[in-house]
Amino acid sequence: MYGWIWRHLPGNAWVRALLSLGLVVATVYVLFQYVFPWAEPLLPFNDVTVDNQ
């Protein structure tokens, strides 16, 4: 997959490296801003089953 992306990016190695870095930054941004907040209520992290005895 990474090889396919690398081959399809335009420019020489430096331009491809900068574009790859931009793609990674954009992906992380989208995950933290949209995907993780959407999925957080669906995850069972707040379902605590430990009782105080």
N, C-alpha and C. Protein backbone atom coordinates (compact mmCIF):
# COMPACT_ATOMS: atom_id res chain seq x y z
N MET A 1 0.82 -1.18 0.00
CA MET A 1 0.00 0.00 0.00
C MET A 1 0.87 1.25 0.00
N TYR A 2 1.89 1.28 0.86
CA TYR A 2 2.73 2.47 0.92
C TYR A 2 3.52 2.65 -0.37
N GLY A 3 3.93 1.56 -0.95
CA GLY A 3 4.63 1.63 -2.23
C GLY A 3 3.73 2.18 -3.33
N TRP A 4 2.47 1.79 -3.32
CA TRP A 4 1.53 2.29 -4.32
C TRP A 4 1.35 3.79 -4.17
N ILE A 5 1.19 4.26 -2.92
CA ILE A 5 1.05 5.70 -2.67
C ILE A 5 2.31 6.42 -3.11
N TRP A 6 3.47 5.89 -2.77
CA TRP A 6 4.75 6.54 -3.12
C TRP A 6 4.91 6.66 -4.63
N ARG A 7 4.55 5.61 -5.35
CA ARG A 7 4.69 5.63 -6.81
C ARG A 7 3.73 6.61 -7.47
N HIS A 8 2.60 6.88 -6.87
CA HIS A 8 1.60 7.75 -7.48
C HIS A 8 1.74 9.21 -7.06
N LEU A 9 2.62 9.53 -6.15
CA LEU A 9 2.84 10.93 -5.79
C LEU A 9 3.75 11.57 -6.83
N PRO A 10 3.49 12.83 -7.17
CA PRO A 10 4.32 13.50 -8.17
C PRO A 10 5.61 14.04 -7.56
N GLY A 11 6.60 14.30 -8.42
CA GLY A 11 7.83 14.96 -7.99
C GLY A 11 8.95 14.00 -7.68
N ASN A 12 10.06 14.60 -7.22
CA ASN A 12 11.22 13.80 -6.85
C ASN A 12 11.06 13.31 -5.41
N ALA A 13 12.11 12.72 -4.85
CA ALA A 13 12.00 12.10 -3.53
C ALA A 13 11.67 13.12 -2.44
N TRP A 14 12.25 14.32 -2.51
CA TRP A 14 11.98 15.33 -1.48
C TRP A 14 10.53 15.81 -1.53
N VAL A 15 10.01 16.00 -2.71
CA VAL A 15 8.61 16.43 -2.86
C VAL A 15 7.68 15.32 -2.38
N ARG A 16 8.00 14.10 -2.74
CA ARG A 16 7.19 12.96 -2.29
C ARG A 16 7.22 12.82 -0.78
N ALA A 17 8.38 13.05 -0.18
CA ALA A 17 8.48 12.96 1.28
C ALA A 17 7.62 14.04 1.95
N LEU A 18 7.65 15.25 1.42
CA LEU A 18 6.83 16.32 1.98
C LEU A 18 5.34 16.04 1.79
N LEU A 19 4.97 15.54 0.63
CA LEU A 19 3.57 15.18 0.40
C LEU A 19 3.13 14.03 1.30
N SER A 20 4.01 13.06 1.50
CA SER A 20 3.70 11.96 2.40
C SER A 20 3.49 12.45 3.83
N LEU A 21 4.36 13.36 4.26
CA LEU A 21 4.21 13.94 5.60
C LEU A 21 2.89 14.69 5.70
N GLY A 22 2.53 15.44 4.68
CA GLY A 22 1.25 16.13 4.67
C GLY A 22 0.07 15.18 4.72
N LEU A 23 0.16 14.07 4.02
CA LEU A 23 -0.91 13.07 4.06
C LEU A 23 -1.05 12.47 5.45
N VAL A 24 0.07 12.20 6.10
CA VAL A 24 0.03 11.65 7.46
C VAL A 24 -0.59 12.65 8.42
N VAL A 25 -0.18 13.92 8.33
CA VAL A 25 -0.73 14.96 9.20
C VAL A 25 -2.23 15.11 8.95
N ALA A 26 -2.66 15.11 7.71
CA ALA A 26 -4.08 15.24 7.40
C ALA A 26 -4.87 14.04 7.93
N THR A 27 -4.32 12.85 7.81
CA THR A 27 -4.99 11.66 8.31
C THR A 27 -5.15 11.70 9.83
N VAL A 28 -4.10 12.09 10.53
CA VAL A 28 -4.17 12.19 12.00
C VAL A 28 -5.18 13.26 12.41
N TYR A 29 -5.19 14.38 11.70
CA TYR A 29 -6.15 15.45 12.00
C TYR A 29 -7.59 14.95 11.84
N VAL A 30 -7.87 14.28 10.74
CA VAL A 30 -9.23 13.78 10.50
C VAL A 30 -9.62 12.76 11.56
N LEU A 31 -8.68 11.89 11.94
CA LEU A 31 -8.99 10.90 12.97
C LEU A 31 -9.33 11.56 14.30
N PHE A 32 -8.51 12.52 14.74
CA PHE A 32 -8.73 13.14 16.05
C PHE A 32 -9.92 14.09 16.04
N GLN A 33 -10.23 14.74 14.95
CA GLN A 33 -11.31 15.71 14.92
C GLN A 33 -12.68 15.09 14.63
N TYR A 34 -12.73 14.01 13.86
CA TYR A 34 -14.01 13.49 13.42
C TYR A 34 -14.25 12.03 13.80
N VAL A 35 -13.30 11.16 13.55
CA VAL A 35 -13.54 9.73 13.72
C VAL A 35 -13.55 9.34 15.20
N PHE A 36 -12.54 9.74 15.97
CA PHE A 36 -12.48 9.36 17.38
C PHE A 36 -13.62 9.94 18.20
N PRO A 37 -14.00 11.22 18.02
CA PRO A 37 -15.17 11.72 18.78
C PRO A 37 -16.47 11.00 18.40
N TRP A 38 -16.60 10.60 17.16
CA TRP A 38 -17.79 9.87 16.74
C TRP A 38 -17.83 8.49 17.38
N ALA A 39 -16.67 7.81 17.46
CA ALA A 39 -16.63 6.44 17.95
C ALA A 39 -16.59 6.36 19.48
N GLU A 40 -16.23 7.43 20.17
CA GLU A 40 -16.06 7.38 21.62
C GLU A 40 -17.32 6.94 22.36
N PRO A 41 -18.52 7.43 22.04
CA PRO A 41 -19.70 6.94 22.77
C PRO A 41 -20.01 5.47 22.51
N LEU A 42 -19.52 4.93 21.44
CA LEU A 42 -19.79 3.53 21.11
C LEU A 42 -18.87 2.56 21.84
N LEU A 43 -17.79 3.05 22.45
CA LEU A 43 -16.83 2.19 23.12
C LEU A 43 -17.21 2.01 24.58
N PRO A 44 -16.94 0.83 25.15
CA PRO A 44 -17.40 0.53 26.51
C PRO A 44 -16.43 0.96 27.62
N PHE A 45 -15.75 2.10 27.49
CA PHE A 45 -14.78 2.49 28.49
C PHE A 45 -15.43 2.98 29.78
N ASN A 46 -16.66 3.47 29.71
CA ASN A 46 -17.33 3.98 30.91
C ASN A 46 -18.21 2.94 31.58
N ASP A 47 -18.22 1.73 31.07
CA ASP A 47 -19.01 0.66 31.68
C ASP A 47 -18.17 -0.05 32.74
N VAL A 48 -18.14 0.51 33.93
CA VAL A 48 -17.33 -0.06 35.01
C VAL A 48 -18.15 -1.09 35.75
N THR A 49 -17.57 -2.25 35.98
CA THR A 49 -18.29 -3.32 36.66
C THR A 49 -17.71 -3.63 38.02
N VAL A 50 -16.78 -2.85 38.52
CA VAL A 50 -16.18 -3.09 39.83
C VAL A 50 -17.03 -2.39 40.88
N ASP A 51 -17.45 -3.13 41.92
CA ASP A 51 -18.25 -2.58 42.99
C ASP A 51 -17.40 -2.38 44.24
N ASN A 52 -17.74 -1.37 45.04
CA ASN A 52 -17.10 -1.16 46.34
C ASN A 52 -17.77 -2.09 47.35
N GLN A 53 -16.99 -2.96 47.98
CA GLN A 53 -17.57 -3.89 48.95
C GLN A 53 -16.95 -3.70 50.31
